Amino acid sequence: MAYTATHKHARISPRKVRPIADLIRGQRVDDAIAILQYQPQRGARLIEKVLKSALGNAEDLRAPNLGGLRVVEARVDGGPMFKRVRPRARGMAHVIKKRMSHIVVSIA
């Protein structure tokens, strides 16, 4: 059985978080937490929180083998965007998209 946790509407671009999610996919949970603790990126803190939440969900649902759990899914999807307008030369305007992401971590 897979135990899942999600963080929706995280205020970070999915492009910045995906490489960090690739690092932990397929790893054991304790190894994944150790990997994330030594990553300097802000996205690593967000994924670490979601991973610990999934581990807490497994404990809460009385998972039989907490030590042998692996990260089976670490997915970062795009969320909604804030759209802001930036003035440019000759009266034009450019749209700046402030992106959000949905972070999903499943362990089994």
PDB file of N, CA and C in Angstrom:
ATOM      1  N   MET A   1       0.847  -1.187   0.000  1.00  0.00           N
ATOM      2  CA  MET A   1       0.000   0.000   0.000  1.00  0.00           C
ATOM      3  C   MET A   1       0.887   1.244   0.000  1.00  0.00           C
ATOM      4  N   ALA A   2       0.529   2.205  -0.804  1.00  0.00           N
ATOM      5  CA  ALA A   2       1.311   3.444  -0.894  1.00  0.00           C
ATOM      6  C   ALA A   2       0.719   4.494   0.034  1.00  0.00           C
ATOM      7  N   TYR A   3       1.601   5.242   0.671  1.00  0.00           N
ATOM      8  CA  TYR A   3       1.210   6.333   1.560  1.00  0.00           C
ATOM      9  C   TYR A   3       1.648   7.623   0.892  1.00  0.00           C
ATOM     10  N   THR A   4       0.707   8.551   0.741  1.00  0.00           N
ATOM     11  CA  THR A   4       0.940   9.733  -0.093  1.00  0.00           C
ATOM     12  C   THR A   4       0.760  11.008   0.714  1.00  0.00           C
ATOM     13  N   ALA A   5       1.541  12.009   0.360  1.00  0.00           N
ATOM     14  CA  ALA A   5       1.358  13.362   0.898  1.00  0.00           C
ATOM     15  C   ALA A   5       1.555  14.347  -0.244  1.00  0.00           C
ATOM     16  N   THR A   6       0.821  15.446  -0.202  1.00  0.00           N
ATOM     17  CA  THR A   6       0.928  16.462  -1.252  1.00  0.00           C
ATOM     18  C   THR A   6       1.067  17.849  -0.644  1.00  0.00           C
ATOM     19  N   HIS A   7       1.742  18.709  -1.366  1.00  0.00           N
ATOM     20  CA  HIS A   7       1.792  20.131  -1.023  1.00  0.00           C
ATOM     21  C   HIS A   7       1.317  20.872  -2.255  1.00  0.00           C
ATOM     22  N   LYS A   8       0.114  21.388  -2.181  1.00  0.00           N
ATOM     23  CA  LYS A   8      -0.450  22.107  -3.321  1.00  0.00           C
ATOM     24  C   LYS A   8      -0.153  23.588  -3.197  1.00  0.00           C
ATOM     25  N   HIS A   9      -0.045  24.233  -4.320  1.00  0.00           N
ATOM     26  CA  HIS A   9       0.168  25.679  -4.421  1.00  0.00           C
ATOM     27  C   HIS A   9       1.463  26.118  -3.731  1.00  0.00           C
ATOM     28  N   ALA A  10       2.517  25.336  -3.875  1.00  0.00           N
ATOM     29  CA  ALA A  10       3.826  25.734  -3.340  1.00  0.00           C
ATOM     30  C   ALA A  10       4.353  26.883  -4.189  1.00  0.00           C
ATOM     31  N   ARG A  11       4.807  27.953  -3.551  1.00  0.00           N
ATOM     32  CA  ARG A  11       5.222  29.148  -4.281  1.00  0.00           C
ATOM     33  C   ARG A  11       6.656  29.035  -4.785  1.00  0.00           C
ATOM     34  N   ILE A  12       6.865  28.059  -5.653  1.00  0.00           N
ATOM     35  CA  ILE A  12       8.159  27.880  -6.293  1.00  0.00           C
ATOM     36  C   ILE A  12       7.888  27.267  -7.661  1.00  0.00           C
ATOM     37  N   SER A  13       8.704  27.605  -8.606  1.00  0.00           N
ATOM     38  CA  SER A  13       8.518  27.103  -9.962  1.00  0.00           C
ATOM     39  C   SER A  13       8.785  25.594 -10.013  1.00  0.00           C
ATOM     40  N   PRO A  14       7.965  24.834 -10.726  1.00  0.00           N
ATOM     41  CA  PRO A  14       8.202  23.390 -10.814  1.00  0.00           C
ATOM     42  C   PRO A  14       9.541  23.049 -11.453  1.00  0.00           C
ATOM     43  N   ARG A  15      10.012  23.906 -12.306  1.00  0.00           N
ATOM     44  CA  ARG A  15      11.285  23.673 -12.983  1.00  0.00           C
ATOM     45  C   ARG A  15      12.454  23.654 -11.992  1.00  0.00           C
ATOM     46  N   LYS A  16      12.327  24.395 -10.901  1.00  0.00           N
ATOM     47  CA  LYS A  16      13.379  24.427  -9.894  1.00  0.00           C
ATOM     48  C   LYS A  16      13.339  23.216  -8.973  1.00  0.00           C
ATOM     49  N   VAL A  17      12.170  22.596  -8.825  1.00  0.00           N
ATOM     50  CA  VAL A  17      12.008  21.517  -7.854  1.00  0.00           C
ATOM     51  C   VAL A  17      12.188  20.137  -8.486  1.00  0.00           C
ATOM     52  N   ARG A  18      11.914  19.998  -9.765  1.00  0.00           N
ATOM     53  CA  ARG A  18      11.969  18.684 -10.411  1.00  0.00           C
ATOM     54  C   ARG A  18      13.316  17.979 -10.301  1.00  0.00           C
ATOM     55  N   PRO A  19      14.455  18.658 -10.492  1.00  0.00           N
ATOM     56  CA  PRO A  19      15.731  17.943 -10.349  1.00  0.00           C
ATOM     57  C   PRO A  19      15.945  17.370  -8.949  1.00  0.00           C
ATOM     58  N   ILE A  20      15.425  18.030  -7.940  1.00  0.00           N
ATOM     59  CA  ILE A  20      15.566  17.540  -6.566  1.00  0.00           C
ATOM     60  C   ILE A  20      14.677  16.320  -6.358  1.00  0.00           C
ATOM     61  N   ALA A  21      13.485  16.332  -6.956  1.00  0.00           N
ATOM     62  CA  ALA A  21      12.593  15.172  -6.865  1.00  0.00           C
ATOM     63  C   ALA A  21      13.210  13.969  -7.562  1.00  0.00           C
ATOM     64  N   ASP A  22      13.952  14.207  -8.644  1.00  0.00           N
ATOM     65  CA  ASP A  22      14.618  13.115  -9.351  1.00  0.00           C
ATOM     66  C   ASP A  22      15.682  12.451  -8.482  1.00  0.00           C
ATOM     67  N   LEU A  23      16.296  13.222  -7.577  1.00  0.00           N
ATOM     68  CA  LEU A  23      17.336  12.673  -6.710  1.00  0.00           C
ATOM     69  C   LEU A  23      16.811  11.601  -5.761  1.00  0.00           C
ATOM     70  N   ILE A  24      15.575  11.774  -5.275  1.00  0.00           N
ATOM     71  CA  ILE A  24      15.087  10.873  -4.223  1.00  0.00           C
ATOM     72  C   ILE A  24      14.195   9.757  -4.736  1.00  0.00           C
ATOM     73  N   ARG A  25      13.771   9.835  -5.985  1.00  0.00           N
ATOM     74  CA  ARG A  25      12.872   8.808  -6.512  1.00  0.00           C
ATOM     75  C   ARG A  25      13.570   7.451  -6.502  1.00  0.00           C
ATOM     76  N   GLY A  26      12.941   6.444  -5.876  1.00  0.00           N
ATOM     77  CA  GLY A  26      13.487   5.100  -5.811  1.00  0.00           C
ATOM     78  C   GLY A  26      14.379   4.838  -4.606  1.00  0.00           C
ATOM     79  N   GLN A  27      14.693   5.873  -3.827  1.00  0.00           N
ATOM     80  CA  GLN A  27      15.563   5.710  -2.656  1.00  0.00           C
ATOM     81  C   GLN A  27      14.760   5.229  -1.448  1.00  0.00           C
ATOM     82  N   ARG A  28      15.470   4.664  -0.456  1.00  0.00           N
ATOM     83  CA  ARG A  28      14.825   4.362   0.816  1.00  0.00           C
ATOM     84  C   ARG A  28      14.523   5.675   1.520  1.00  0.00           C
ATOM     85  N   VAL A  29      13.508   5.693   2.392  1.00  0.00           N
ATOM     86  CA  VAL A  29      13.039   6.939   2.985  1.00  0.00           C
ATOM     87  C   VAL A  29      14.130   7.610   3.812  1.00  0.00           C
ATOM     88  N   ASP A  30      14.859   6.840   4.652  1.00  0.00           N
ATOM     89  CA  ASP A  30      15.896   7.488   5.484  1.00  0.00           C
ATOM     90  C   ASP A  30      17.024   8.042   4.614  1.00  0.00           C
ATOM     91  N   ASP A  31      17.361   7.334   3.535  1.00  0.00           N
ATOM     92  CA  ASP A  31      18.394   7.841   2.625  1.00  0.00           C
ATOM     93  C   ASP A  31      17.912   9.105   1.917  1.00  0.00           C
ATOM     94  N   ALA A  32      16.640   9.123   1.529  1.00  0.00           N
ATOM     95  CA  ALA A  32      16.088  10.291   0.838  1.00  0.00           C
ATOM     96  C   ALA A  32      16.094  11.516   1.760  1.00  0.00           C
ATOM     97  N   ILE A  33      15.745  11.329   3.027  1.00  0.00           N
ATOM     98  CA  ILE A  33      15.764  12.449   3.976  1.00  0.00           C
ATOM     99  C   ILE A  33      17.192  12.948   4.164  1.00  0.00           C
ATOM    100  N   ALA A  34      18.149  12.012   4.242  1.00  0.00           N
ATOM    101  CA  ALA A  34      19.558  12.408   4.391  1.00  0.00           C
ATOM    102  C   ALA A  34      20.043  13.174   3.160  1.00  0.00           C
ATOM    103  N   ILE A  35      19.638  12.745   1.968  1.00  0.00           N
ATOM    104  CA  ILE A  35      20.030  13.441   0.734  1.00  0.00           C
ATOM    105  C   ILE A  35      19.466  14.857   0.738  1.00  0.00           C
ATOM    106  N   LEU A  36      18.194  14.990   1.112  1.00  0.00           N
ATOM    107  CA  LEU A  36      17.541  16.304   1.063  1.00  0.00           C
ATOM    108  C   LEU A  36      18.105  17.272   2.096  1.00  0.00           C
ATOM    109  N   GLN A  37      18.541  16.765   3.242  1.00  0.00           N
ATOM    110  CA  GLN A  37      19.053  17.662   4.286  1.00  0.00           C
ATOM    111  C   GLN A  37      20.329  18.370   3.853  1.00  0.00           C
ATOM    112  N   TYR A  38      21.092  17.752   2.952  1.00  0.00           N
ATOM    113  CA  TYR A  38      22.354  18.351   2.540  1.00  0.00           C
ATOM    114  C   TYR A  38      22.274  19.071   1.196  1.00  0.00           C
ATOM    115  N   GLN A  39      21.076  19.245   0.680  1.00  0.00           N
ATOM    116  CA  GLN A  39      20.897  20.017  -0.549  1.00  0.00           C
ATOM    117  C   GLN A  39      20.660  21.482  -0.177  1.00  0.00           C
ATOM    118  N   PRO A  40      21.335  22.423  -0.834  1.00  0.00           N
ATOM    119  CA  PRO A  40      21.209  23.830  -0.448  1.00  0.00           C
ATOM    120  C   PRO A  40      19.949  24.520  -0.982  1.00  0.00           C
ATOM    121  N   GLN A  41      19.216  23.900  -1.903  1.00  0.00           N
ATOM    122  CA  GLN A  41      18.092  24.575  -2.547  1.00  0.00           C
ATOM    123  C   GLN A  41      16.883  24.684  -1.605  1.00  0.00           C
ATOM    124  N   ARG A  42      16.090  25.711  -1.850  1.00  0.00           N
ATOM    125  CA  ARG A  42      14.868  25.914  -1.070  1.00  0.00           C
ATOM    126  C   ARG A  42      13.841  24.829  -1.373  1.00  0.00           C
ATOM    127  N   GLY A  43      13.835  24.320  -2.601  1.00  0.00           N
ATOM    128  CA  GLY A  43      12.904  23.260  -2.978  1.00  0.00           C
ATOM    129  C   GLY A  43      13.160  21.979  -2.204  1.00  0.00           C
ATOM    130  N   ALA A  44      14.391  21.751  -1.776  1.00  0.00           N
ATOM    131  CA  ALA A  44      14.706  20.559  -0.987  1.00  0.00           C
ATOM    132  C   ALA A  44      13.996  20.614   0.356  1.00  0.00           C
ATOM    133  N   ARG A  45      13.867  21.804   0.941  1.00  0.00           N
ATOM    134  CA  ARG A  45      13.137  21.932   2.217  1.00  0.00           C
ATOM    135  C   ARG A  45      11.667  21.565   2.026  1.00  0.00           C
ATOM    136  N   LEU A  46      11.086  22.015   0.896  1.00  0.00           N
ATOM    137  CA  LEU A  46       9.676  21.732   0.641  1.00  0.00           C
ATOM    138  C   LEU A  46       9.445  20.239   0.431  1.00  0.00           C
ATOM    139  N   ILE A  47      10.299  19.591  -0.368  1.00  0.00           N
ATOM    140  CA  ILE A  47      10.146  18.156  -0.616  1.00  0.00           C
ATOM    141  C   ILE A  47      10.389  17.370   0.656  1.00  0.00           C
ATOM    142  N   GLU A  48      11.330  17.833   1.480  1.00  0.00           N
ATOM    143  CA  GLU A  48      11.613  17.144   2.747  1.00  0.00           C
ATOM    144  C   GLU A  48      10.395  17.170   3.664  1.00  0.00           C
ATOM    145  N   LYS A  49       9.717  18.302   3.725  1.00  0.00           N
ATOM    146  CA  LYS A  49       8.507  18.398   4.542  1.00  0.00           C
ATOM    147  C   LYS A  49       7.418  17.454   4.038  1.00  0.00           C
ATOM    148  N   VAL A  50       7.247  17.379   2.718  1.00  0.00           N
ATOM    149  CA  VAL A  50       6.226  16.508   2.150  1.00  0.00           C
ATOM    150  C   VAL A  50       6.584  15.040   2.396  1.00  0.00           C
ATOM    151  N   LEU A  51       7.869  14.711   2.278  1.00  0.00           N
ATOM    152  CA  LEU A  51       8.314  13.337   2.527  1.00  0.00           C
ATOM    153  C   LEU A  51       8.096  12.945   3.985  1.00  0.00           C
ATOM    154  N   LYS A  52       8.393  13.858   4.903  1.00  0.00           N
ATOM    155  CA  LYS A  52       8.156  13.565   6.329  1.00  0.00           C
ATOM    156  C   LYS A  52       6.662  13.442   6.624  1.00  0.00           C
ATOM    157  N   SER A  53       5.851  14.199   5.903  1.00  0.00           N
ATOM    158  CA  SER A  53       4.408  14.081   6.062  1.00  0.00           C
ATOM    159  C   SER A  53       3.907  12.732   5.573  1.00  0.00           C
ATOM    160  N   ALA A  54       4.449  12.253   4.444  1.00  0.00           N
ATOM    161  CA  ALA A  54       4.071  10.931   3.941  1.00  0.00           C
ATOM    162  C   ALA A  54       4.500   9.848   4.922  1.00  0.00           C
ATOM    163  N   LEU A  55       5.672  10.011   5.536  1.00  0.00           N
ATOM    164  CA  LEU A  55       6.131   9.059   6.547  1.00  0.00           C
ATOM    165  C   LEU A  55       5.220   9.089   7.766  1.00  0.00           C
ATOM    166  N   GLY A  56       4.767  10.281   8.146  1.00  0.00           N
ATOM    167  CA  GLY A  56       3.811  10.402   9.244  1.00  0.00           C
ATOM    168  C   GLY A  56       2.477   9.744   8.914  1.00  0.00           C
ATOM    169  N   ASN A  57       2.045   9.863   7.656  1.00  0.00           N
ATOM    170  CA  ASN A  57       0.818   9.188   7.235  1.00  0.00           C
ATOM    171  C   ASN A  57       0.973   7.682   7.324  1.00  0.00           C
ATOM    172  N   ALA A  58       2.156   7.177   6.980  1.00  0.00           N
ATOM    173  CA  ALA A  58       2.406   5.734   7.066  1.00  0.00           C
ATOM    174  C   ALA A  58       2.379   5.275   8.517  1.00  0.00           C
ATOM    175  N   GLU A  59       2.973   6.066   9.409  1.00  0.00           N
ATOM    176  CA  GLU A  59       2.938   5.720  10.840  1.00  0.00           C
ATOM    177  C   GLU A  59       1.512   5.745  11.359  1.00  0.00           C
ATOM    178  N   ASP A  60       0.762   6.752  10.939  1.00  0.00           N
ATOM    179  CA  ASP A  60      -0.610   6.915  11.415  1.00  0.00           C
ATOM    180  C   ASP A  60      -1.501   5.758  10.961  1.00  0.00           C
ATOM    181  N   LEU A  61      -1.244   5.257   9.750  1.00  0.00           N
ATOM    182  CA  LEU A  61      -2.047   4.153   9.221  1.00  0.00           C
ATOM    183  C   LEU A  61      -1.434   2.794   9.551  1.00  0.00           C
ATOM    184  N   ARG A  62      -0.465   2.810  10.466  1.00  0.00           N
ATOM    185  CA  ARG A  62       0.163   1.598  10.986  1.00  0.00           C
ATOM    186  C   ARG A  62       0.794   0.738   9.882  1.00  0.00           C
ATOM    187  N   ALA A  63       1.735   1.326   9.171  1.00  0.00           N
ATOM    188  CA  ALA A  63       2.468   0.593   8.143  1.00  0.00           C
ATOM    189  C   ALA A  63       3.295  -0.505   8.814  1.00  0.00           C
ATOM    190  N   PRO A  64       3.311  -1.714   8.254  1.00  0.00           N
ATOM    191  CA  PRO A  64       3.985  -2.830   8.915  1.00  0.00           C
ATOM    192  C   PRO A  64       5.503  -2.690   8.993  1.00  0.00           C
ATOM    193  N   ASN A  65       6.147  -2.107   7.973  1.00  0.00           N
ATOM    194  CA  ASN A  65       7.603  -2.067   7.946  1.00  0.00           C
ATOM    195  C   ASN A  65       8.064  -0.647   7.626  1.00  0.00           C
ATOM    196  N   LEU A  66       8.194   0.202   8.650  1.00  0.00           N
ATOM    197  CA  LEU A  66       8.574   1.594   8.411  1.00  0.00           C
ATOM    198  C   LEU A  66      10.019   1.724   7.928  1.00  0.00           C
ATOM    199  N   GLY A  67      10.890   0.825   8.347  1.00  0.00           N
ATOM    200  CA  GLY A  67      12.290   0.915   7.953  1.00  0.00           C
ATOM    201  C   GLY A  67      12.537   0.573   6.497  1.00  0.00           C
ATOM    202  N   GLY A  68      11.676  -0.232   5.896  1.00  0.00           N
ATOM    203  CA  GLY A  68      11.898  -0.672   4.513  1.00  0.00           C
ATOM    204  C   GLY A  68      11.119   0.108   3.478  1.00  0.00           C
ATOM    205  N   LEU A  69      10.546   1.237   3.850  1.00  0.00           N
ATOM    206  CA  LEU A  69       9.746   2.009   2.895  1.00  0.00           C
ATOM    207  C   LEU A  69      10.647   2.721   1.888  1.00  0.00           C
ATOM    208  N   ARG A  70      10.175   2.787   0.643  1.00  0.00           N
ATOM    209  CA  ARG A  70      10.899   3.452  -0.444  1.00  0.00           C
ATOM    210  C   ARG A  70      10.033   4.545  -1.053  1.00  0.00           C
ATOM    211  N   VAL A  71      10.684   5.510  -1.651  1.00  0.00           N
ATOM    212  CA  VAL A  71       9.974   6.576  -2.368  1.00  0.00           C
ATOM    213  C   VAL A  71       9.609   6.013  -3.738  1.00  0.00           C
ATOM    214  N   VAL A  72       8.331   5.731  -3.954  1.00  0.00           N
ATOM    215  CA  VAL A  72       7.914   5.160  -5.236  1.00  0.00           C
ATOM    216  C   VAL A  72       7.506   6.244  -6.227  1.00  0.00           C
ATOM    217  N   GLU A  73       7.102   7.405  -5.710  1.00  0.00           N
ATOM    218  CA  GLU A  73       6.691   8.492  -6.607  1.00  0.00           C
ATOM    219  C   GLU A  73       7.089   9.820  -5.985  1.00  0.00           C
ATOM    220  N   ALA A  74       7.811  10.615  -6.731  1.00  0.00           N
ATOM    221  CA  ALA A  74       8.128  11.988  -6.343  1.00  0.00           C
ATOM    222  C   ALA A  74       7.850  12.828  -7.578  1.00  0.00           C
ATOM    223  N   ARG A  75       6.720  13.510  -7.564  1.00  0.00           N
ATOM    224  CA  ARG A  75       6.249  14.199  -8.765  1.00  0.00           C
ATOM    225  C   ARG A  75       6.039  15.683  -8.454  1.00  0.00           C
ATOM    226  N   VAL A  76       6.411  16.528  -9.378  1.00  0.00           N
ATOM    227  CA  VAL A  76       6.202  17.967  -9.235  1.00  0.00           C
ATOM    228  C   VAL A  76       5.426  18.434 -10.459  1.00  0.00           C
ATOM    229  N   ASP A  77       4.202  18.833 -10.244  1.00  0.00           N
ATOM    230  CA  ASP A  77       3.340  19.295 -11.326  1.00  0.00           C
ATOM    231  C   ASP A  77       3.199  20.812 -11.258  1.00  0.00           C
ATOM    232  N   GLY A  78       2.878  21.396 -12.377  1.00  0.00           N
ATOM    233  CA  GLY A  78       2.641  22.836 -12.414  1.00  0.00           C
ATOM    234  C   GLY A  78       1.294  23.175 -11.810  1.00  0.00           C
ATOM    235  N   GLY A  79       1.250  24.275 -11.122  1.00  0.00           N
ATOM    236  CA  GLY A  79       0.005  24.743 -10.516  1.00  0.00           C
ATOM    237  C   GLY A  79      -0.464  26.002 -11.211  1.00  0.00           C
ATOM    238  N   PRO A  80      -1.339  26.744 -10.564  1.00  0.00           N
ATOM    239  CA  PRO A  80      -1.799  28.003 -11.155  1.00  0.00           C
ATOM    240  C   PRO A  80      -0.681  29.051 -11.145  1.00  0.00           C
ATOM    241  N   MET A  81      -0.907  30.135 -11.873  1.00  0.00           N
ATOM    242  CA  MET A  81       0.107  31.179 -11.966  1.00  0.00           C
ATOM    243  C   MET A  81      -0.490  32.526 -11.589  1.00  0.00           C
ATOM    244  N   PHE A  82       0.306  33.327 -10.889  1.00  0.00           N
ATOM    245  CA  PHE A  82      -0.020  34.740 -10.735  1.00  0.00           C
ATOM    246  C   PHE A  82       0.518  35.423 -11.977  1.00  0.00           C
ATOM    247  N   LYS A  83      -0.284  36.284 -12.574  1.00  0.00           N
ATOM    248  CA  LYS A  83       0.187  36.985 -13.757  1.00  0.00           C
ATOM    249  C   LYS A  83       0.325  38.463 -13.417  1.00  0.00           C
ATOM    250  N   ARG A  84       1.527  38.976 -13.624  1.00  0.00           N
ATOM    251  CA  ARG A  84       1.831  40.361 -13.330  1.00  0.00           C
ATOM    252  C   ARG A  84       2.288  41.043 -14.610  1.00  0.00           C
ATOM    253  N   VAL A  85       2.062  42.325 -14.705  1.00  0.00           N
ATOM    254  CA  VAL A  85       2.412  43.080 -15.902  1.00  0.00           C
ATOM    255  C   VAL A  85       3.602  43.976 -15.583  1.00  0.00           C
ATOM    256  N   ARG A  86       4.579  43.958 -16.471  1.00  0.00           N
ATOM    257  CA  ARG A  86       5.802  44.737 -16.308  1.00  0.00           C
ATOM    258  C   ARG A  86       5.878  45.740 -17.458  1.00  0.00           C
ATOM    259  N   PRO A  87       6.017  47.022 -17.173  1.00  0.00           N
ATOM    260  CA  PRO A  87       6.122  47.999 -18.270  1.00  0.00           C
ATOM    261  C   PRO A  87       7.430  47.853 -19.033  1.00  0.00           C
ATOM    262  N   ARG A  88       7.351  48.015 -20.342  1.00  0.00           N
ATOM    263  CA  ARG A  88       8.528  47.914 -21.201  1.00  0.00           C
ATOM    264  C   ARG A  88       8.652  49.178 -22.049  1.00  0.00           C
ATOM    265  N   ALA A  89       9.594  49.186 -22.933  1.00  0.00           N
ATOM    266  CA  ALA A  89       9.857  50.371 -23.757  1.00  0.00           C
ATOM    267  C   ALA A  89       8.698  50.654 -24.705  1.00  0.00           C
ATOM    268  N   ARG A  90       8.552  51.900 -25.085  1.00  0.00           N
ATOM    269  CA  ARG A  90       7.551  52.376 -26.043  1.00  0.00           C
ATOM    270  C   ARG A  90       6.128  52.028 -25.639  1.00  0.00           C
ATOM    271  N   GLY A  91       5.845  52.000 -24.347  1.00  0.00           N
ATOM    272  CA  GLY A  91       4.478  51.804 -23.875  1.00  0.00           C
ATOM    273  C   GLY A  91       3.973  50.381 -23.906  1.00  0.00           C
ATOM    274  N   MET A  92       4.852  49.432 -24.207  1.00  0.00           N
ATOM    275  CA  MET A  92       4.409  48.035 -24.236  1.00  0.00           C
ATOM    276  C   MET A  92       4.430  47.454 -22.824  1.00  0.00           C
ATOM    277  N   ALA A  93       3.845  46.266 -22.709  1.00  0.00           N
ATOM    278  CA  ALA A  93       3.836  45.578 -21.417  1.00  0.00           C
ATOM    279  C   ALA A  93       4.139  44.106 -21.648  1.00  0.00           C
ATOM    280  N   HIS A  94       4.902  43.520 -20.735  1.00  0.00           N
ATOM    281  CA  HIS A  94       5.185  42.087 -20.774  1.00  0.00           C
ATOM    282  C   HIS A  94       4.580  41.438 -19.549  1.00  0.00           C
ATOM    283  N   VAL A  95       4.096  40.219 -19.739  1.00  0.00           N
ATOM    284  CA  VAL A  95       3.486  39.491 -18.633  1.00  0.00           C
ATOM    285  C   VAL A  95       4.567  38.666 -17.933  1.00  0.00           C
ATOM    286  N   ILE A  96       4.612  38.779 -16.620  1.00  0.00           N
ATOM    287  CA  ILE A  96       5.503  37.947 -15.810  1.00  0.00           C
ATOM    288  C   ILE A  96       4.629  36.930 -15.101  1.00  0.00           C
ATOM    289  N   LYS A  97       4.957  35.658 -15.290  1.00  0.00           N
ATOM    290  CA  LYS A  97       4.181  34.584 -14.686  1.00  0.00           C
ATOM    291  C   LYS A  97       4.884  34.102 -13.426  1.00  0.00           C
ATOM    292  N   LYS A  98       4.267  34.271 -12.288  1.00  0.00           N
ATOM    293  CA  LYS A  98       4.812  33.767 -11.027  1.00  0.00           C
ATOM    294  C   LYS A  98       4.203  32.399 -10.811  1.00  0.00           C
ATOM    295  N   ARG A  99       5.008  31.379 -11.017  1.00  0.00           N
ATOM    296  CA  ARG A  99       4.506  30.015 -11.076  1.00  0.00           C
ATOM    297  C   ARG A  99       4.406  29.356  -9.707  1.00  0.00           C
ATOM    298  N   MET A 100       3.451  28.421  -9.611  1.00  0.00           N
ATOM    299  CA  MET A 100       3.291  27.602  -8.415  1.00  0.00           C
ATOM    300  C   MET A 100       3.419  26.134  -8.828  1.00  0.00           C
ATOM    301  N   SER A 101       3.614  25.277  -7.846  1.00  0.00           N
ATOM    302  CA  SER A 101       3.741  23.859  -8.162  1.00  0.00           C
ATOM    303  C   SER A 101       3.000  23.028  -7.136  1.00  0.00           C
ATOM    304  N   HIS A 102       2.629  21.834  -7.550  1.00  0.00           N
ATOM    305  CA  HIS A 102       2.028  20.835  -6.677  1.00  0.00           C
ATOM    306  C   HIS A 102       3.056  19.724  -6.510  1.00  0.00           C
ATOM    307  N   ILE A 103       3.458  19.456  -5.254  1.00  0.00           N
ATOM    308  CA  ILE A 103       4.472  18.446  -4.971  1.00  0.00           C
ATOM    309  C   ILE A 103       3.781  17.222  -4.397  1.00  0.00           C
ATOM    310  N   VAL A 104       4.002  16.052  -5.013  1.00  0.00           N
ATOM    311  CA  VAL A 104       3.370  14.793  -4.581  1.00  0.00           C
ATOM    312  C   VAL A 104       4.480  13.776  -4.292  1.00  0.00           C
ATOM    313  N   VAL A 105       4.460  13.195  -3.093  1.00  0.00           N
ATOM    314  CA  VAL A 105       5.431  12.162  -2.717  1.00  0.00           C
ATOM    315  C   VAL A 105       4.654  10.961  -2.214  1.00  0.00           C
ATOM    316  N   SER A 106       4.944   9.779  -2.769  1.00  0.00           N
ATOM    317  CA  SER A 106       4.333   8.528  -2.322  1.00  0.00           C
ATOM    318  C   SER A 106       5.431   7.571  -1.882  1.00  0.00           C
ATOM    319  N   ILE A 107       5.188   6.896  -0.764  1.00  0.00           N
ATOM    320  CA  ILE A 107       6.136   5.891  -0.284  1.00  0.00           C
ATOM    321  C   ILE A 107       5.410   4.584  -0.135  1.00  0.00           C
ATOM    322  N   ALA A 108       6.110   3.490  -0.355  1.00  0.00           N
ATOM    323  CA  ALA A 108       5.507   2.161  -0.206  1.00  0.00           C
ATOM    324  C   ALA A 108       6.557   1.186   0.274  1.00  0.00           C
TER     325      ALA A 108
END
